[in-house]
Amino acid sequence: MEKFTLLIETTDAKGLVYNVSKVLFEHGLNIDKNSEYVDSEENKFFMRTVISGEFNEAKLLKDIKGLLPQNHIIKLKPQTCKDIVLLVTKESHVLGDILIRYVSGELNANIKAVVSNHDHLRTLVEKFDIPYHFVDTKDLAREEHEQKLINQIDVYNPEIIVLAKYMRILTSKFVGYYEGKVLNIHHSFLPAFIGANPYKQAHSRGVKIIGATAHYVTNDLDEGPIIFQDITRVDHTYSWQDMRNAGRNVEKVVLSNALQLLLDDKVLTYSNKTVIL
């Protein structure tokens, strides 16, 4: 029996869970899972419901919309494998982790291709029988390179684009074109370190926590809605190379977990933050 995920975002009001559940029952649908959240400060209601059964989609959505406050967003998504494209540069750790999870059947996804601005990771990717595309930056302005990148990505029409340590800053044109589709990962330190070799900087400051943050890409660099984070503890015995290795391990886990949340339609965004249901 086919399953769907119903996502609702609206102004909070009394009886929303009851009224939506009643409509689903009247349409002969099973509620397999349900979760909801209310942001009392912004008076926002969020609901994620996994349903199964046969139904008329247009009629169901019409009946639910008739019960919701005027300001609402409602989505009904089939629980099928999503098509994704990975963007990489030279680092292999998060890419390799995703590829292994993919061939192990852990990701509810179809990896359609890997696209890179370098040719370093071709051999690794082709071992998994996945197309690899090298889009060279040589002698190209940033806008020209990104247009070639867009042309290659659009061949596969992905639902999600994963920046698996893709080390180029994207222009507002690219980000706007794929708005709400691009997932990124970056290291997280306290305090923050930018520029060349942040792990050497962290080591010189005696950092005790290394972490990673996965987030949607927006025009504000590394400031998009956060989807998943994690940390690991380090101490004075760690060299900067040890810290880098620890950071890479965290990055692998964080990016894969964030991707899984997106694949399962568990992420709703508002006010530059996320609700995970």
Protein backbone atom coordinates (compact mmCIF):
# COMPACT_ATOMS: atom_id res chain seq x y z
CA MET A 1 0.00 0.00 0.00
CA GLU A 2 1.44 3.35 -1.05
CA LYS A 3 2.35 5.81 1.69
CA PHE A 4 2.36 9.61 1.63
CA THR A 5 3.68 12.31 3.93
CA LEU A 6 1.33 15.19 4.70
CA LEU A 7 3.07 18.40 5.81
CA ILE A 8 1.13 21.34 7.23
CA GLU A 9 2.32 24.77 8.35
CA THR A 10 -0.28 27.30 9.46
CA THR A 11 -1.37 29.75 12.13
CA ASP A 12 -2.18 27.89 15.33
CA ALA A 13 -5.86 27.33 16.15
CA LYS A 14 -7.93 25.04 18.33
CA GLY A 15 -8.83 21.60 17.00
CA LEU A 16 -6.36 21.42 14.12
CA VAL A 17 -5.09 17.92 14.90
CA TYR A 18 -8.63 16.64 15.47
CA ASN A 19 -10.04 18.25 12.33
CA VAL A 20 -7.25 17.05 10.03
CA SER A 21 -7.41 13.54 11.50
CA LYS A 22 -11.18 13.51 11.00
CA VAL A 23 -10.80 14.36 7.30
CA LEU A 24 -8.21 11.63 6.85
CA PHE A 25 -10.57 9.14 8.52
CA GLU A 26 -13.46 10.22 6.30
CA HIS A 27 -11.29 9.57 3.25
CA GLY A 28 -10.60 6.05 4.50
CA LEU A 29 -6.94 6.67 5.21
CA ASN A 30 -4.71 5.15 7.88
CA ILE A 31 -2.54 7.43 10.02
CA ASP A 32 0.71 5.50 10.36
CA LYS A 33 2.68 8.22 12.15
CA ASN A 34 1.86 11.70 13.36
CA SER A 35 3.79 14.50 15.04
CA GLU A 36 3.08 18.16 15.58
CA TYR A 37 4.68 21.25 17.07
CA VAL A 38 3.40 24.68 18.09
CA ASP A 39 5.68 27.72 18.25
CA SER A 40 3.79 29.74 20.84
CA GLU A 41 5.93 32.82 20.31
CA GLU A 42 5.04 33.07 16.63
CA ASN A 43 1.67 31.31 16.94
CA LYS A 44 2.68 28.79 14.28
CA PHE A 45 1.45 25.20 13.99
CA PHE A 46 3.37 22.42 12.24
CA MET A 47 2.20 18.88 11.53
CA ARG A 48 3.72 15.87 9.78
CA THR A 49 1.50 12.86 9.16
CA VAL A 50 2.36 9.63 7.35
CA ILE A 51 -0.77 8.22 5.73
CA SER A 52 -1.56 5.13 3.70
CA GLY A 53 -4.49 4.06 1.58
CA GLU A 54 -6.19 4.93 -1.69
CA PHE A 55 -7.64 8.41 -2.11
CA ASN A 56 -8.38 11.30 -4.43
CA GLU A 57 -5.49 13.71 -3.86
CA ALA A 58 -7.24 16.84 -5.11
CA LYS A 59 -10.35 16.16 -3.00
CA LEU A 60 -8.31 15.37 0.09
CA LEU A 61 -6.24 18.56 -0.15
CA LYS A 62 -9.34 20.64 -0.78
CA ASP A 63 -11.08 19.24 2.29
CA ILE A 64 -8.06 19.81 4.52
CA LYS A 65 -7.47 23.33 3.24
CA GLY A 66 -11.07 24.16 4.06
CA LEU A 67 -10.35 23.47 7.73
CA LEU A 68 -7.12 25.44 8.04
CA PRO A 69 -6.63 29.13 8.82
CA GLN A 70 -6.20 31.25 5.70
CA ASN A 71 -2.42 31.55 6.04
CA HIS A 72 -1.27 27.97 5.47
CA ILE A 73 1.17 25.82 3.52
CA ILE A 74 0.21 22.22 2.82
CA LYS A 75 2.21 19.58 0.95
CA LEU A 76 1.45 15.95 0.18
CA LYS A 77 4.50 13.94 -0.86
CA PRO A 78 4.69 10.29 -1.90
CA GLN A 79 7.22 8.25 0.07
CA THR A 80 9.41 7.40 -2.88
CA CYS A 81 13.16 7.61 -3.45
CA LYS A 82 14.28 11.16 -4.13
CA ASP A 83 16.75 11.97 -6.89
CA ILE A 84 19.88 13.71 -5.61
CA VAL A 85 23.09 15.10 -7.10
CA LEU A 86 26.31 15.48 -5.08
CA LEU A 87 28.75 18.34 -5.61
CA VAL A 88 32.35 17.75 -4.54
CA THR A 89 35.84 19.23 -4.84
CA LYS A 90 38.80 17.20 -3.51
CA GLU A 91 37.89 15.90 -0.04
CA SER A 92 36.48 12.38 -0.04
CA HIS A 93 35.35 11.69 3.54
CA VAL A 94 31.71 12.83 3.42
CA LEU A 95 31.28 11.70 -0.18
CA GLY A 96 32.60 8.22 0.64
CA ASP A 97 30.32 7.93 3.66
CA ILE A 98 27.24 8.84 1.61
CA LEU A 99 28.19 6.44 -1.18
CA ILE A 100 28.63 3.56 1.26
CA ARG A 101 25.30 4.31 2.94
CA TYR A 102 23.72 4.47 -0.51
CA VAL A 103 24.93 1.08 -1.73
CA SER A 104 24.06 -0.40 1.68
CA GLY A 105 20.44 0.67 1.18
CA GLU A 106 20.46 3.10 4.11
CA LEU A 107 19.46 6.16 2.07
CA ASN A 108 16.01 6.45 0.53
CA ALA A 109 17.53 8.13 -2.51
CA ASN A 110 18.69 7.77 -6.08
CA ILE A 111 22.16 9.29 -6.48
CA LYS A 112 21.94 10.36 -10.09
CA ALA A 113 25.43 11.86 -10.43
CA VAL A 114 28.43 13.45 -8.77
CA VAL A 115 29.58 16.79 -10.20
CA SER A 116 32.93 18.36 -9.36
CA ASN A 117 35.17 21.31 -10.17
CA HIS A 118 38.14 18.89 -9.99
CA ASP A 119 38.77 15.43 -11.39
CA HIS A 120 40.32 13.99 -8.19
CA LEU A 121 37.37 11.84 -7.03
CA ARG A 122 36.38 10.25 -10.34
CA THR A 123 37.94 6.86 -9.58
CA LEU A 124 36.18 6.63 -6.22
CA VAL A 125 32.77 7.55 -7.63
CA GLU A 126 32.98 5.29 -10.66
CA LYS A 127 33.62 2.30 -8.37
CA PHE A 128 29.98 2.77 -7.33
CA ASP A 129 28.77 2.90 -10.98
CA ILE A 130 27.60 6.49 -10.56
CA PRO A 131 28.16 9.09 -13.33
CA TYR A 132 30.94 11.59 -12.56
CA HIS A 133 31.08 14.97 -14.28
CA PHE A 134 34.08 17.29 -14.17
CA VAL A 135 33.10 20.91 -14.78
CA ASP A 136 36.42 22.72 -15.13
CA THR A 137 36.82 26.25 -13.79
CA LYS A 138 39.89 27.01 -15.88
CA ASP A 139 39.67 30.28 -17.84
CA LEU A 140 36.02 30.71 -16.83
CA ALA A 141 34.44 33.56 -14.93
CA ARG A 142 32.44 32.46 -11.87
CA GLU A 143 29.13 33.08 -13.65
CA GLU A 144 30.20 31.04 -16.68
CA HIS A 145 31.31 28.14 -14.52
CA GLU A 146 28.09 28.16 -12.52
CA GLN A 147 26.00 28.17 -15.69
CA LYS A 148 27.86 25.07 -16.88
CA LEU A 149 27.28 23.59 -13.45
CA ILE A 150 23.57 24.34 -13.66
CA ASN A 151 23.36 22.86 -17.14
CA GLN A 152 24.92 19.62 -15.89
CA ILE A 153 22.82 19.38 -12.74
CA ASP A 154 19.58 20.04 -14.63
CA VAL A 155 20.17 16.98 -16.79
CA TYR A 156 19.20 14.97 -13.69
CA ASN A 157 16.49 17.28 -12.29
CA PRO A 158 17.37 16.46 -8.66
CA GLU A 159 15.10 17.15 -5.71
CA ILE A 160 18.12 17.67 -3.45
CA ILE A 161 21.64 18.95 -4.19
CA VAL A 162 24.25 17.98 -1.60
CA LEU A 163 27.42 20.02 -1.22
CA ALA A 164 29.67 17.20 -0.02
CA LYS A 165 32.60 19.52 0.80
CA TYR A 166 32.16 21.51 -2.40
CA MET A 167 34.70 24.24 -1.77
CA ARG A 168 33.46 27.14 -3.85
CA ILE A 169 31.26 30.02 -2.77
CA LEU A 170 28.04 30.00 -4.79
CA THR A 171 26.55 33.15 -6.25
CA SER A 172 23.08 34.42 -5.41
CA LYS A 173 21.97 33.41 -8.90
CA PHE A 174 22.82 29.75 -8.27
CA VAL A 175 21.35 29.76 -4.77
CA GLY A 176 18.15 31.42 -5.97
CA TYR A 177 17.79 29.02 -8.88
CA TYR A 178 17.88 26.03 -6.52
CA GLU A 179 16.22 27.71 -3.55
CA GLY A 180 15.33 25.24 -0.79
CA LYS A 181 17.14 22.37 -2.51
CA VAL A 182 20.81 22.76 -1.52
CA LEU A 183 22.28 21.09 1.58
CA ASN A 184 25.71 22.07 2.90
CA ILE A 185 28.09 21.02 5.68
CA HIS A 186 30.70 23.08 7.52
CA HIS A 187 32.87 22.67 10.58
CA SER A 188 31.84 24.37 13.82
CA PHE A 189 34.31 25.60 16.41
CA LEU A 190 34.07 27.68 19.55
CA PRO A 191 35.41 30.25 18.88
CA ALA A 192 34.89 30.32 15.11
CA PHE A 193 37.91 30.13 12.83
CA ILE A 194 37.86 31.15 9.20
CA GLY A 195 40.44 31.18 6.44
CA ALA A 196 43.22 28.72 5.80
CA ASN A 197 43.45 25.56 7.91
CA PRO A 198 40.95 26.20 10.71
CA TYR A 199 42.20 23.08 12.52
CA LYS A 200 45.65 24.59 13.01
CA GLN A 201 43.97 27.71 14.37
CA ALA A 202 41.79 25.61 16.68
CA HIS A 203 44.79 23.66 17.92
CA SER A 204 46.73 26.82 18.70
CA ARG A 205 43.80 28.09 20.80
CA GLY A 206 43.34 24.86 22.75
CA VAL A 207 39.84 24.14 21.46
CA LYS A 208 37.99 21.49 23.50
CA ILE A 209 34.98 20.87 21.23
CA ILE A 210 34.88 20.23 17.49
CA GLY A 211 31.58 20.04 15.67
CA ALA A 212 29.80 20.27 12.35
CA THR A 213 26.62 21.90 11.10
CA ALA A 214 24.45 20.86 8.16
CA HIS A 215 22.14 23.54 6.82
CA TYR A 216 20.22 24.78 3.82
CA VAL A 217 22.22 27.06 1.56
CA THR A 218 21.09 30.69 1.40
CA ASN A 219 22.72 33.90 0.21
CA ASP A 220 24.10 34.42 3.72
CA LEU A 221 27.22 32.25 3.77
CA ASP A 222 26.88 29.36 6.24
CA GLU A 223 23.86 31.02 7.86
CA GLY A 224 20.97 29.08 6.33
CA PRO A 225 18.40 27.16 8.39
CA ILE A 226 20.18 24.53 10.49
CA ILE A 227 19.08 20.92 9.95
CA PHE A 228 21.49 18.83 12.03
CA GLN A 229 24.50 19.40 14.30
CA ASP A 230 26.85 17.29 16.39
CA ILE A 231 30.11 17.59 18.31
CA THR A 232 33.05 15.56 19.58
CA ARG A 233 35.34 16.45 22.45
CA VAL A 234 39.10 16.89 22.03
CA ASP A 235 41.88 17.81 24.45
CA HIS A 236 45.48 18.98 24.71
CA THR A 237 46.83 15.60 23.56
CA TYR A 238 45.38 16.06 20.07
CA SER A 239 47.61 17.35 17.29
CA TRP A 240 45.96 19.58 14.70
CA GLN A 241 45.91 16.54 12.40
CA ASP A 242 44.06 14.56 15.08
CA MET A 243 41.58 17.42 15.38
CA ARG A 244 41.09 17.44 11.62
CA ASN A 245 40.40 13.69 11.60
CA ALA A 246 37.93 14.06 14.47
CA GLY A 247 36.23 16.89 12.63
CA ARG A 248 35.93 14.85 9.45
CA ASN A 249 34.28 12.02 11.38
CA VAL A 250 31.70 14.42 12.78
CA GLU A 251 31.10 15.96 9.35
CA LYS A 252 30.31 12.54 7.88
CA VAL A 253 27.71 11.76 10.52
CA VAL A 254 26.13 15.20 10.45
CA LEU A 255 25.77 15.43 6.68
CA SER A 256 24.36 11.91 6.32
CA ASN A 257 21.85 12.47 9.14
CA ALA A 258 20.74 15.79 7.69
CA LEU A 259 20.33 14.23 4.27
CA GLN A 260 18.23 11.42 5.73
CA LEU A 261 15.92 13.95 7.40
CA LEU A 262 15.39 15.65 4.04
CA LEU A 263 14.81 12.36 2.27
CA ASP A 264 12.16 11.48 4.86
CA ASP A 265 10.42 14.87 4.52
CA LYS A 266 10.93 15.62 8.21
CA VAL A 267 12.22 19.18 7.82
CA LEU A 268 10.00 22.27 7.76
CA THR A 269 11.52 25.77 7.60
CA TYR A 270 10.41 29.19 8.76
CA SER A 271 12.10 32.38 10.03
CA ASN A 272 15.52 31.03 8.98
CA LYS A 273 15.20 28.01 11.26
CA THR A 274 13.82 24.50 11.03
CA VAL A 275 11.29 22.28 12.72
CA ILE A 276 12.20 18.59 12.60
CA LEU A 277 9.13 16.35 12.91
